[in-house]
Amino acid sequence: MIRTLALCTALLVAGAASAQPADDDAAPDPSPIPKAPPGVARAYDLPYRSDTLELKMERAGREGSEIEYFVRMKAGETLVYSWKVEGLPPGTIYSDFHGSNGVGETAQVLSYKEGMGEAAAGALTAPFDGLHGWLFKNDADKPATVKLTLAGFYDLRSIRETMGLDGPAYVPFGPPGWAHRFGPAESPKE
């Protein structure tokens, strides 16, 4: 124990001696720690945030049995998420995690992960500016609630506001009730 303490003290003293301020012509960072490649650590314009949402779905076959929920992100922004639905039989919730950079024929849409299940967790670094989120579809014979937890760098501004979905350019897609909710109807009050 005494030898270990003496060795640690000797290393600290040697390190302190070598860490003396350098003149202006010296290397700016004398640290022996290797530097990470560019892009590993990022700074964002948006503040970090976290939100927990409860998305209610009607039972299968009814209007409101499908919900689509998006957040707005810029390319390179990061989102960590988890969602779960409790109290339903296995294999009754379909989800598609995807993103879109617009609406209409020129929109780029990319599916990140889809399948049947009652829970998922992960992270996304947005590949493009746009809306990124989930379509949830309830195939059970009773209503369900998806508890969605988000953290990271994103904007909860409503999809109606960001894409004008209540305006004249909006064309509904899918059968009635399909993706009947597009994020919060109004922008959250800050």
N, C-alpha and C. Protein backbone atom coordinates (compact mmCIF):
# COMPACT_ATOMS: atom_id res chain seq x y z
N MET A 1 0.83 -1.20 0.00
CA MET A 1 0.00 0.00 0.00
C MET A 1 0.87 1.25 0.00
N ILE A 2 1.92 1.26 0.86
CA ILE A 2 2.80 2.42 0.93
C ILE A 2 3.56 2.60 -0.39
N ARG A 3 3.99 1.45 -1.01
CA ARG A 3 4.69 1.55 -2.30
C ARG A 3 3.77 2.12 -3.38
N THR A 4 2.52 1.67 -3.40
CA THR A 4 1.55 2.15 -4.38
C THR A 4 1.34 3.64 -4.21
N LEU A 5 1.18 4.09 -2.96
CA LEU A 5 0.98 5.50 -2.69
C LEU A 5 2.21 6.31 -3.12
N ALA A 6 3.40 5.80 -2.83
CA ALA A 6 4.63 6.49 -3.22
C ALA A 6 4.74 6.58 -4.74
N LEU A 7 4.39 5.49 -5.45
CA LEU A 7 4.45 5.48 -6.91
C LEU A 7 3.46 6.49 -7.49
N CYS A 8 2.23 6.52 -6.96
CA CYS A 8 1.22 7.47 -7.43
C CYS A 8 1.68 8.90 -7.19
N THR A 9 2.27 9.17 -6.03
CA THR A 9 2.77 10.50 -5.73
C THR A 9 3.87 10.88 -6.70
N ALA A 10 4.80 9.96 -6.97
CA ALA A 10 5.89 10.23 -7.90
C ALA A 10 5.35 10.54 -9.30
N LEU A 11 4.35 9.78 -9.75
CA LEU A 11 3.75 10.03 -11.06
C LEU A 11 3.06 11.39 -11.11
N LEU A 12 2.34 11.74 -10.05
CA LEU A 12 1.67 13.04 -10.02
C LEU A 12 2.67 14.19 -10.04
N VAL A 13 3.76 14.06 -9.27
CA VAL A 13 4.78 15.10 -9.26
C VAL A 13 5.43 15.24 -10.63
N ALA A 14 5.74 14.11 -11.27
CA ALA A 14 6.35 14.14 -12.60
C ALA A 14 5.38 14.76 -13.61
N GLY A 15 4.11 14.40 -13.50
CA GLY A 15 3.10 14.95 -14.41
C GLY A 15 2.94 16.44 -14.21
N ALA A 16 2.97 16.90 -12.94
CA ALA A 16 2.83 18.32 -12.65
C ALA A 16 4.03 19.09 -13.19
N ALA A 17 5.22 18.49 -13.08
CA ALA A 17 6.42 19.17 -13.58
C ALA A 17 6.37 19.31 -15.09
N SER A 18 5.86 18.29 -15.79
CA SER A 18 5.80 18.36 -17.25
C SER A 18 4.64 19.21 -17.73
N ALA A 19 3.73 19.56 -16.83
CA ALA A 19 2.55 20.34 -17.22
C ALA A 19 2.76 21.83 -17.01
N GLN A 20 4.00 22.28 -16.93
CA GLN A 20 4.30 23.69 -16.76
C GLN A 20 3.83 24.44 -18.00
N PRO A 21 3.40 25.69 -17.83
CA PRO A 21 2.95 26.47 -18.98
C PRO A 21 4.03 26.54 -20.05
N ALA A 22 3.63 26.40 -21.29
CA ALA A 22 4.57 26.43 -22.41
C ALA A 22 4.57 27.82 -23.03
N ASP A 23 5.60 28.14 -23.75
CA ASP A 23 5.63 29.43 -24.43
C ASP A 23 4.68 29.39 -25.62
N ASP A 24 4.38 30.53 -26.20
CA ASP A 24 3.38 30.64 -27.27
C ASP A 24 3.72 29.84 -28.51
N ASP A 25 4.98 29.51 -28.72
CA ASP A 25 5.37 28.76 -29.92
C ASP A 25 5.21 27.26 -29.75
N ALA A 26 4.90 26.80 -28.53
CA ALA A 26 4.79 25.37 -28.26
C ALA A 26 3.45 24.85 -28.77
N ALA A 27 3.34 23.53 -28.81
CA ALA A 27 2.10 22.89 -29.23
C ALA A 27 0.97 23.34 -28.30
N PRO A 28 -0.24 23.60 -28.83
CA PRO A 28 -1.33 24.12 -28.02
C PRO A 28 -1.87 23.12 -27.00
N ASP A 29 -1.69 21.83 -27.23
CA ASP A 29 -2.24 20.83 -26.31
C ASP A 29 -1.19 19.77 -26.04
N PRO A 30 -0.52 19.83 -24.89
CA PRO A 30 0.52 18.86 -24.59
C PRO A 30 -0.02 17.53 -24.05
N SER A 31 -1.33 17.37 -24.01
CA SER A 31 -1.92 16.17 -23.44
C SER A 31 -1.52 14.92 -24.23
N PRO A 32 -1.15 13.86 -23.52
CA PRO A 32 -0.79 12.62 -24.21
C PRO A 32 -2.02 11.81 -24.66
N ILE A 33 -3.22 12.27 -24.35
CA ILE A 33 -4.43 11.54 -24.70
C ILE A 33 -4.70 11.72 -26.19
N PRO A 34 -4.90 10.63 -26.93
CA PRO A 34 -5.20 10.75 -28.37
C PRO A 34 -6.50 11.52 -28.59
N LYS A 35 -6.56 12.24 -29.67
CA LYS A 35 -7.74 13.03 -30.03
C LYS A 35 -8.71 12.20 -30.85
N ALA A 36 -9.99 12.37 -30.54
CA ALA A 36 -11.04 11.67 -31.28
C ALA A 36 -11.16 12.27 -32.68
N PRO A 37 -11.64 11.48 -33.64
CA PRO A 37 -11.85 12.02 -34.98
C PRO A 37 -12.94 13.10 -34.97
N PRO A 38 -12.92 14.01 -35.93
CA PRO A 38 -13.95 15.04 -36.01
C PRO A 38 -15.34 14.43 -36.07
N GLY A 39 -16.29 15.07 -35.42
CA GLY A 39 -17.68 14.62 -35.44
C GLY A 39 -18.07 13.71 -34.31
N VAL A 40 -17.12 13.20 -33.54
CA VAL A 40 -17.46 12.31 -32.44
C VAL A 40 -18.17 13.08 -31.33
N ALA A 41 -17.66 14.22 -30.96
CA ALA A 41 -18.31 15.10 -29.99
C ALA A 41 -18.93 16.24 -30.76
N ARG A 42 -20.18 16.55 -30.45
CA ARG A 42 -20.90 17.57 -31.20
C ARG A 42 -21.48 18.63 -30.28
N ALA A 43 -21.63 19.82 -30.79
CA ALA A 43 -22.35 20.90 -30.12
C ALA A 43 -23.61 21.19 -30.95
N TYR A 44 -24.68 21.58 -30.28
CA TYR A 44 -25.95 21.82 -30.96
C TYR A 44 -26.45 23.23 -30.70
N ASP A 45 -27.21 23.77 -31.65
CA ASP A 45 -27.83 25.08 -31.48
C ASP A 45 -29.01 25.02 -30.52
N LEU A 46 -29.74 23.91 -30.54
CA LEU A 46 -30.90 23.74 -29.66
C LEU A 46 -30.46 23.34 -28.26
N PRO A 47 -31.20 23.72 -27.24
CA PRO A 47 -30.88 23.23 -25.90
C PRO A 47 -31.28 21.76 -25.75
N TYR A 48 -30.61 21.07 -24.85
CA TYR A 48 -30.98 19.69 -24.52
C TYR A 48 -32.37 19.71 -23.90
N ARG A 49 -33.17 18.71 -24.23
CA ARG A 49 -34.50 18.64 -23.64
C ARG A 49 -34.90 17.18 -23.45
N SER A 50 -35.93 16.96 -22.66
CA SER A 50 -36.51 15.62 -22.51
C SER A 50 -38.01 15.79 -22.32
N ASP A 51 -38.75 14.84 -22.86
CA ASP A 51 -40.21 14.87 -22.81
C ASP A 51 -40.73 13.46 -22.67
N THR A 52 -41.84 13.31 -21.94
CA THR A 52 -42.56 12.04 -21.88
C THR A 52 -43.99 12.32 -22.33
N LEU A 53 -44.44 11.55 -23.30
CA LEU A 53 -45.76 11.76 -23.90
C LEU A 53 -46.57 10.48 -23.77
N GLU A 54 -47.88 10.64 -23.64
CA GLU A 54 -48.78 9.50 -23.66
C GLU A 54 -49.66 9.63 -24.88
N LEU A 55 -49.54 8.68 -25.80
CA LEU A 55 -50.28 8.69 -27.06
C LEU A 55 -51.38 7.64 -26.97
N LYS A 56 -52.61 8.07 -26.97
CA LYS A 56 -53.75 7.17 -26.81
C LYS A 56 -54.24 6.69 -28.17
N MET A 57 -54.49 5.38 -28.25
CA MET A 57 -55.01 4.77 -29.48
C MET A 57 -56.30 4.03 -29.18
N GLU A 58 -57.23 4.12 -30.11
CA GLU A 58 -58.46 3.34 -30.01
C GLU A 58 -58.17 1.87 -30.32
N ARG A 59 -59.16 1.02 -30.09
CA ARG A 59 -58.96 -0.40 -30.41
C ARG A 59 -58.92 -0.59 -31.92
N ALA A 60 -58.45 -1.75 -32.35
CA ALA A 60 -58.25 -2.06 -33.77
C ALA A 60 -59.52 -1.81 -34.57
N GLY A 61 -59.33 -1.28 -35.76
CA GLY A 61 -60.44 -1.07 -36.69
C GLY A 61 -61.20 0.22 -36.49
N ARG A 62 -60.94 0.95 -35.42
CA ARG A 62 -61.64 2.20 -35.19
C ARG A 62 -60.77 3.38 -35.60
N GLU A 63 -61.43 4.49 -35.93
CA GLU A 63 -60.66 5.70 -36.20
C GLU A 63 -59.87 6.04 -34.94
N GLY A 64 -58.60 6.32 -35.11
CA GLY A 64 -57.74 6.62 -33.97
C GLY A 64 -56.97 5.40 -33.48
N SER A 65 -57.06 4.28 -34.20
CA SER A 65 -56.27 3.10 -33.81
C SER A 65 -54.85 3.19 -34.35
N GLU A 66 -54.58 4.20 -35.18
CA GLU A 66 -53.24 4.46 -35.67
C GLU A 66 -52.86 5.89 -35.32
N ILE A 67 -51.62 6.07 -34.88
CA ILE A 67 -51.11 7.40 -34.52
C ILE A 67 -49.74 7.56 -35.13
N GLU A 68 -49.49 8.73 -35.69
CA GLU A 68 -48.16 9.06 -36.17
C GLU A 68 -47.69 10.27 -35.37
N TYR A 69 -46.49 10.17 -34.79
CA TYR A 69 -45.97 11.23 -33.95
C TYR A 69 -44.55 11.58 -34.38
N PHE A 70 -44.30 12.85 -34.64
CA PHE A 70 -43.00 13.32 -35.13
C PHE A 70 -42.40 14.38 -34.22
N VAL A 71 -41.09 14.50 -34.28
CA VAL A 71 -40.37 15.67 -33.78
C VAL A 71 -39.58 16.22 -34.96
N ARG A 72 -39.22 17.50 -34.88
CA ARG A 72 -38.45 18.11 -35.95
C ARG A 72 -36.98 18.12 -35.55
N MET A 73 -36.10 17.71 -36.48
CA MET A 73 -34.66 17.68 -36.21
C MET A 73 -33.90 18.16 -37.44
N LYS A 74 -32.72 18.72 -37.19
CA LYS A 74 -31.80 19.05 -38.28
C LYS A 74 -30.83 17.89 -38.45
N ALA A 75 -30.28 17.77 -39.64
CA ALA A 75 -29.29 16.71 -39.90
C ALA A 75 -28.18 16.78 -38.86
N GLY A 76 -27.86 15.63 -38.28
CA GLY A 76 -26.79 15.54 -37.29
C GLY A 76 -27.26 15.67 -35.85
N GLU A 77 -28.49 16.17 -35.61
CA GLU A 77 -28.99 16.25 -34.24
C GLU A 77 -29.33 14.85 -33.75
N THR A 78 -29.24 14.64 -32.44
CA THR A 78 -29.38 13.31 -31.86
C THR A 78 -30.58 13.24 -30.92
N LEU A 79 -31.28 12.12 -30.99
CA LEU A 79 -32.45 11.83 -30.17
C LEU A 79 -32.27 10.45 -29.55
N VAL A 80 -32.51 10.34 -28.26
CA VAL A 80 -32.54 9.05 -27.58
C VAL A 80 -34.00 8.83 -27.19
N TYR A 81 -34.51 7.61 -27.38
CA TYR A 81 -35.93 7.37 -27.15
C TYR A 81 -36.17 6.02 -26.49
N SER A 82 -37.34 5.91 -25.89
CA SER A 82 -37.89 4.61 -25.49
C SER A 82 -39.40 4.74 -25.54
N TRP A 83 -40.05 3.66 -25.88
CA TRP A 83 -41.51 3.64 -25.83
C TRP A 83 -41.97 2.27 -25.37
N LYS A 84 -43.15 2.25 -24.76
CA LYS A 84 -43.72 0.96 -24.35
C LYS A 84 -45.23 1.08 -24.26
N VAL A 85 -45.86 -0.06 -24.45
CA VAL A 85 -47.30 -0.21 -24.30
C VAL A 85 -47.49 -1.39 -23.36
N GLU A 86 -48.26 -1.20 -22.32
CA GLU A 86 -48.48 -2.29 -21.35
C GLU A 86 -49.92 -2.76 -21.40
N GLY A 87 -50.12 -4.02 -21.01
CA GLY A 87 -51.46 -4.56 -20.86
C GLY A 87 -52.10 -5.09 -22.13
N LEU A 88 -51.32 -5.28 -23.18
CA LEU A 88 -51.87 -5.83 -24.42
C LEU A 88 -51.18 -7.15 -24.73
N PRO A 89 -51.86 -8.03 -25.44
CA PRO A 89 -51.22 -9.29 -25.82
C PRO A 89 -50.02 -9.04 -26.74
N PRO A 90 -49.01 -9.90 -26.70
CA PRO A 90 -47.85 -9.75 -27.60
C PRO A 90 -48.29 -9.74 -29.06
N GLY A 91 -47.58 -8.97 -29.87
CA GLY A 91 -47.83 -8.96 -31.31
C GLY A 91 -49.03 -8.14 -31.72
N THR A 92 -49.49 -7.21 -30.89
CA THR A 92 -50.67 -6.43 -31.28
C THR A 92 -50.36 -4.96 -31.56
N ILE A 93 -49.11 -4.55 -31.41
CA ILE A 93 -48.73 -3.17 -31.73
C ILE A 93 -47.69 -3.19 -32.85
N TYR A 94 -48.02 -2.51 -33.95
CA TYR A 94 -47.11 -2.34 -35.06
C TYR A 94 -46.49 -0.96 -34.92
N SER A 95 -45.18 -0.84 -35.16
CA SER A 95 -44.54 0.47 -35.15
C SER A 95 -43.61 0.59 -36.35
N ASP A 96 -43.52 1.80 -36.86
CA ASP A 96 -42.57 2.13 -37.92
C ASP A 96 -41.90 3.43 -37.53
N PHE A 97 -40.62 3.37 -37.22
CA PHE A 97 -39.81 4.54 -36.87
C PHE A 97 -39.21 5.03 -38.18
N HIS A 98 -39.52 6.27 -38.56
CA HIS A 98 -39.11 6.76 -39.87
C HIS A 98 -38.95 8.28 -39.87
N GLY A 99 -38.44 8.80 -40.97
CA GLY A 99 -38.27 10.24 -41.11
C GLY A 99 -38.66 10.70 -42.50
N SER A 100 -38.95 11.99 -42.62
CA SER A 100 -39.32 12.58 -43.91
C SER A 100 -38.82 14.02 -43.95
N ASN A 101 -38.39 14.45 -45.13
CA ASN A 101 -37.95 15.83 -45.27
C ASN A 101 -39.01 16.70 -45.90
N GLY A 102 -40.24 16.22 -46.05
CA GLY A 102 -41.31 17.03 -46.61
C GLY A 102 -42.52 16.18 -46.93
N VAL A 103 -43.46 16.76 -47.65
CA VAL A 103 -44.65 16.04 -48.09
C VAL A 103 -44.71 16.12 -49.61
N GLY A 104 -45.48 15.24 -50.20
CA GLY A 104 -45.65 15.26 -51.64
C GLY A 104 -44.71 14.32 -52.36
N GLU A 105 -44.73 14.42 -53.67
CA GLU A 105 -43.98 13.48 -54.51
C GLU A 105 -42.47 13.63 -54.39
N THR A 106 -41.98 14.79 -54.01
CA THR A 106 -40.53 15.00 -53.93
C THR A 106 -39.97 14.71 -52.54
N ALA A 107 -40.81 14.31 -51.60
CA ALA A 107 -40.35 14.07 -50.23
C ALA A 107 -39.44 12.84 -50.17
N GLN A 108 -38.42 12.95 -49.37
CA GLN A 108 -37.56 11.80 -49.07
C GLN A 108 -38.08 11.18 -47.78
N VAL A 109 -38.42 9.90 -47.81
CA VAL A 109 -38.90 9.18 -46.63
C VAL A 109 -37.96 8.00 -46.41
N LEU A 110 -37.56 7.81 -45.16
CA LEU A 110 -36.62 6.76 -44.82
C LEU A 110 -37.11 6.03 -43.59
N SER A 111 -37.30 4.70 -43.68
CA SER A 111 -37.71 3.89 -42.54
C SER A 111 -36.48 3.42 -41.78
N TYR A 112 -36.45 3.67 -40.46
CA TYR A 112 -35.31 3.28 -39.64
C TYR A 112 -35.50 1.89 -39.02
N LYS A 113 -36.73 1.62 -38.56
CA LYS A 113 -37.00 0.33 -37.93
C LYS A 113 -38.51 0.13 -37.87
N GLU A 114 -38.95 -1.06 -38.24
CA GLU A 114 -40.37 -1.35 -38.15
C GLU A 114 -40.58 -2.78 -37.69
N GLY A 115 -41.76 -3.05 -37.13
CA GLY A 115 -42.07 -4.39 -36.69
C GLY A 115 -43.17 -4.40 -35.65
N MET A 116 -43.45 -5.60 -35.15
CA MET A 116 -44.45 -5.79 -34.11
C MET A 116 -43.72 -5.87 -32.77
N GLY A 117 -44.31 -5.29 -31.74
CA GLY A 117 -43.71 -5.35 -30.42
C GLY A 117 -44.38 -4.38 -29.48
N GLU A 118 -44.11 -4.55 -28.21
CA GLU A 118 -44.75 -3.72 -27.19
C GLU A 118 -43.79 -2.69 -26.59
N ALA A 119 -42.53 -2.69 -27.03
CA ALA A 119 -41.56 -1.73 -26.49
C ALA A 119 -40.35 -1.65 -27.42
N ALA A 120 -39.66 -0.53 -27.35
CA ALA A 120 -38.41 -0.35 -28.10
C ALA A 120 -37.63 0.80 -27.46
N ALA A 121 -36.33 0.79 -27.66
CA ALA A 121 -35.47 1.87 -27.18
C ALA A 121 -34.30 1.99 -28.13
N GLY A 122 -33.76 3.19 -28.25
CA GLY A 122 -32.62 3.39 -29.13
C GLY A 122 -32.26 4.85 -29.27
N ALA A 123 -31.53 5.15 -30.32
CA ALA A 123 -31.09 6.51 -30.58
C ALA A 123 -31.09 6.74 -32.09
N LEU A 124 -31.20 8.00 -32.47
CA LEU A 124 -31.18 8.38 -33.88
C LEU A 124 -30.34 9.64 -34.01
N THR A 125 -29.43 9.64 -34.96
CA THR A 125 -28.79 10.86 -35.43
C THR A 125 -29.43 11.15 -36.77
N ALA A 126 -30.16 12.26 -36.83
CA ALA A 126 -30.96 12.57 -38.02
C ALA A 126 -30.10 12.61 -39.28
N PRO A 127 -30.46 11.83 -40.32
CA PRO A 127 -29.68 11.82 -41.55
C PRO A 127 -29.96 13.04 -42.45
N PHE A 128 -31.07 13.75 -42.17
CA PHE A 128 -31.43 14.93 -42.96
C PHE A 128 -32.33 15.82 -42.13
N ASP A 129 -32.47 17.08 -42.53
CA ASP A 129 -33.41 17.99 -41.88
C ASP A 129 -34.81 17.49 -42.15
N GLY A 130 -35.66 17.49 -41.14
CA GLY A 130 -37.04 17.10 -41.37
C GLY A 130 -37.71 16.59 -40.12
N LEU A 131 -38.72 15.78 -40.33
CA LEU A 131 -39.53 15.21 -39.26
C LEU A 131 -39.16 13.75 -39.09
N HIS A 132 -38.99 13.35 -37.84
CA HIS A 132 -38.58 11.99 -37.52
C HIS A 132 -39.48 11.49 -36.41
N GLY A 133 -40.02 10.30 -36.55
CA GLY A 133 -40.93 9.81 -35.52
C GLY A 133 -41.49 8.45 -35.84
N TRP A 134 -42.66 8.17 -35.25
CA TRP A 134 -43.21 6.83 -35.24
C TRP A 134 -44.64 6.82 -35.76
N LEU A 135 -44.96 5.75 -36.42
CA LEU A 135 -46.34 5.36 -36.68
C LEU A 135 -46.60 4.19 -35.74
N PHE A 136 -47.65 4.29 -34.94
CA PHE A 136 -48.07 3.19 -34.08
C PHE A 136 -49.46 2.76 -34.54
N LYS A 137 -49.67 1.44 -34.63
CA LYS A 137 -50.96 0.89 -35.03
C LYS A 137 -51.36 -0.17 -34.03
N ASN A 138 -52.55 -0.01 -33.45
CA ASN A 138 -53.07 -0.93 -32.45
C ASN A 138 -53.93 -2.00 -33.13
N ASP A 139 -53.49 -3.26 -33.06
CA ASP A 139 -54.26 -4.37 -33.62
C ASP A 139 -55.01 -5.14 -32.55
N ALA A 140 -55.03 -4.63 -31.32
CA ALA A 140 -55.72 -5.30 -30.21
C ALA A 140 -57.19 -4.90 -30.19
N ASP A 141 -58.00 -5.69 -29.48
CA ASP A 141 -59.43 -5.40 -29.40
C ASP A 141 -59.78 -4.47 -28.24
N LYS A 142 -58.78 -3.78 -27.69
CA LYS A 142 -59.04 -2.78 -26.65
C LYS A 142 -58.12 -1.59 -26.86
N PRO A 143 -58.49 -0.41 -26.34
CA PRO A 143 -57.65 0.78 -26.50
C PRO A 143 -56.27 0.58 -25.86
N ALA A 144 -55.33 1.38 -26.30
CA ALA A 144 -53.96 1.28 -25.78
C ALA A 144 -53.36 2.67 -25.66
N THR A 145 -52.35 2.78 -24.82
CA THR A 145 -51.60 4.03 -24.67
C THR A 145 -50.13 3.73 -24.83
N VAL A 146 -49.48 4.47 -25.71
CA VAL A 146 -48.04 4.37 -25.90
C VAL A 146 -47.40 5.43 -25.02
N LYS A 147 -46.49 5.02 -24.13
CA LYS A 147 -45.72 5.98 -23.34
C LYS A 147 -44.39 6.16 -24.05
N LEU A 148 -44.18 7.36 -24.60
CA LEU A 148 -43.01 7.69 -25.40
C LEU A 148 -42.13 8.66 -24.62
N THR A 149 -40.88 8.28 -24.39
CA THR A 149 -39.93 9.13 -23.68
C THR A 149 -38.82 9.53 -24.64
N LEU A 150 -38.56 10.83 -24.74
CA LEU A 150 -37.58 11.38 -25.67
C LEU A 150 -36.57 12.21 -24.89
N ALA A 151 -35.34 12.24 -25.36
CA ALA A 151 -34.32 13.11 -24.80
C ALA A 151 -33.32 13.43 -25.90
N GLY A 152 -32.78 14.62 -25.87
CA GLY A 152 -31.76 14.99 -26.86
C GLY A 152 -31.99 16.36 -27.43
N PHE A 153 -31.78 16.47 -28.74
CA PHE A 153 -31.82 17.75 -29.43
C PHE A 153 -32.83 17.66 -30.55
N TYR A 154 -34.01 18.21 -30.33
CA TYR A 154 -35.13 18.13 -31.27
C TYR A 154 -36.09 19.24 -30.92
N ASP A 155 -37.06 19.44 -31.79
CA ASP A 155 -38.07 20.47 -31.61
C ASP A 155 -39.43 19.80 -31.61
N LEU A 156 -40.25 20.09 -30.62
CA LEU A 156 -41.59 19.51 -30.55
C LEU A 156 -42.62 20.36 -31.29
N ARG A 157 -42.16 21.33 -32.06
CA ARG A 157 -43.10 22.16 -32.80
C ARG A 157 -44.04 21.25 -33.58
N SER A 158 -45.30 21.60 -33.63
CA SER A 158 -46.27 20.70 -34.25
C SER A 158 -45.99 20.48 -35.73
N ILE A 159 -46.32 19.29 -36.19
CA ILE A 159 -46.15 18.98 -37.61
C ILE A 159 -47.09 19.84 -38.45
N ARG A 160 -48.25 20.16 -37.88
CA ARG A 160 -49.17 21.04 -38.61
C ARG A 160 -48.49 22.38 -38.90
N GLU A 161 -47.79 22.90 -37.89
CA GLU A 161 -47.10 24.18 -38.05
C GLU A 161 -45.90 24.06 -38.97
N THR A 162 -45.11 22.99 -38.81
CA THR A 162 -43.88 22.88 -39.58
C THR A 162 -44.13 22.51 -41.03
N MET A 163 -45.20 21.82 -41.33
CA MET A 163 -45.43 21.37 -42.70
C MET A 163 -46.74 21.87 -43.29
N GLY A 164 -47.50 22.68 -42.57
CA GLY A 164 -48.74 23.23 -43.10
C GLY A 164 -49.79 22.17 -43.39
N LEU A 165 -49.90 21.15 -42.52
CA LEU A 165 -50.80 20.04 -42.82
C LEU A 165 -52.28 20.39 -42.68
N ASP A 166 -52.60 21.52 -42.07
CA ASP A 166 -54.00 21.93 -42.04
C ASP A 166 -54.32 22.87 -43.19
N GLY A 167 -53.32 23.22 -43.97
CA GLY A 167 -53.51 24.17 -45.06
C GLY A 167 -53.97 23.49 -46.34
N PRO A 168 -54.10 24.27 -47.40
CA PRO A 168 -54.62 23.75 -48.66
C PRO A 168 -53.69 22.75 -49.34
N ALA A 169 -52.39 22.72 -48.98
CA ALA A 169 -51.46 21.79 -49.63
C ALA A 169 -51.53 20.38 -49.05
N TYR A 170 -52.24 20.21 -47.92
CA TYR A 170 -52.27 18.90 -47.27
C TYR A 170 -53.22 17.95 -47.99
N VAL A 171 -52.71 16.76 -48.32
CA VAL A 171 -53.52 15.72 -48.92
C VAL A 171 -53.45 14.51 -47.99
N PRO A 172 -54.61 14.09 -47.39
CA PRO A 172 -54.58 12.94 -46.48
C PRO A 172 -54.09 11.69 -47.22
N PHE A 173 -53.49 10.78 -46.48
CA PHE A 173 -53.04 9.53 -47.08
C PHE A 173 -53.59 8.36 -46.28
N GLY A 174 -53.74 7.25 -46.93
CA GLY A 174 -54.21 6.05 -46.26
C GLY A 174 -55.71 6.08 -45.99
N PRO A 175 -56.23 4.99 -45.43
CA PRO A 175 -57.67 4.90 -45.14
C PRO A 175 -58.05 5.84 -44.00
N PRO A 176 -59.35 6.11 -43.80
CA PRO A 176 -59.77 6.99 -42.71
C PRO A 176 -59.21 6.49 -41.37
N GLY A 177 -58.73 7.43 -40.58
CA GLY A 177 -58.17 7.07 -39.28
C GLY A 177 -56.69 6.78 -39.32
N TRP A 178 -56.14 6.59 -40.50
CA TRP A 178 -54.72 6.26 -40.61
C TRP A 178 -53.90 7.47 -40.20
N ALA A 179 -53.05 7.29 -39.24
CA ALA A 179 -52.17 8.36 -38.77
C ALA A 179 -52.95 9.63 -38.51
N HIS A 180 -54.00 9.51 -37.70
CA HIS A 180 -54.90 10.65 -37.49
C HIS A 180 -54.29 11.77 -36.68
N ARG A 181 -53.19 11.52 -35.98
CA ARG A 181 -52.59 12.57 -35.16
C ARG A 181 -51.15 12.79 -35.60
N PHE A 182 -50.81 14.00 -35.87
CA PHE A 182 -49.49 14.34 -36.38
C PHE A 182 -48.77 15.22 -35.36
N GLY A 183 -48.25 14.63 -34.31
CA GLY A 183 -47.56 15.41 -33.30
C GLY A 183 -48.55 16.29 -32.56
N PRO A 184 -48.06 17.18 -31.70
CA PRO A 184 -48.98 18.03 -30.95
C PRO A 184 -49.75 18.95 -31.89
N ALA A 185 -51.03 19.15 -31.60
CA ALA A 185 -51.84 20.00 -32.45
C ALA A 185 -51.34 21.44 -32.43
N GLU A 186 -50.81 21.87 -31.33
CA GLU A 186 -50.27 23.22 -31.19
C GLU A 186 -48.83 23.12 -30.71
N SER A 187 -48.08 24.17 -30.90
CA SER A 187 -46.72 24.22 -30.36
C SER A 187 -46.80 24.23 -28.84
N PRO A 188 -45.87 23.52 -28.17
CA PRO A 188 -45.90 23.54 -26.71
C PRO A 188 -45.60 24.94 -26.19
N LYS A 189 -46.20 25.26 -25.06
CA LYS A 189 -45.96 26.57 -24.44
C LYS A 189 -44.65 26.48 -23.68
N GLU A 190 -43.70 27.31 -24.01
CA GLU A 190 -42.38 27.29 -23.36
C GLU A 190 -42.42 28.14 -22.13
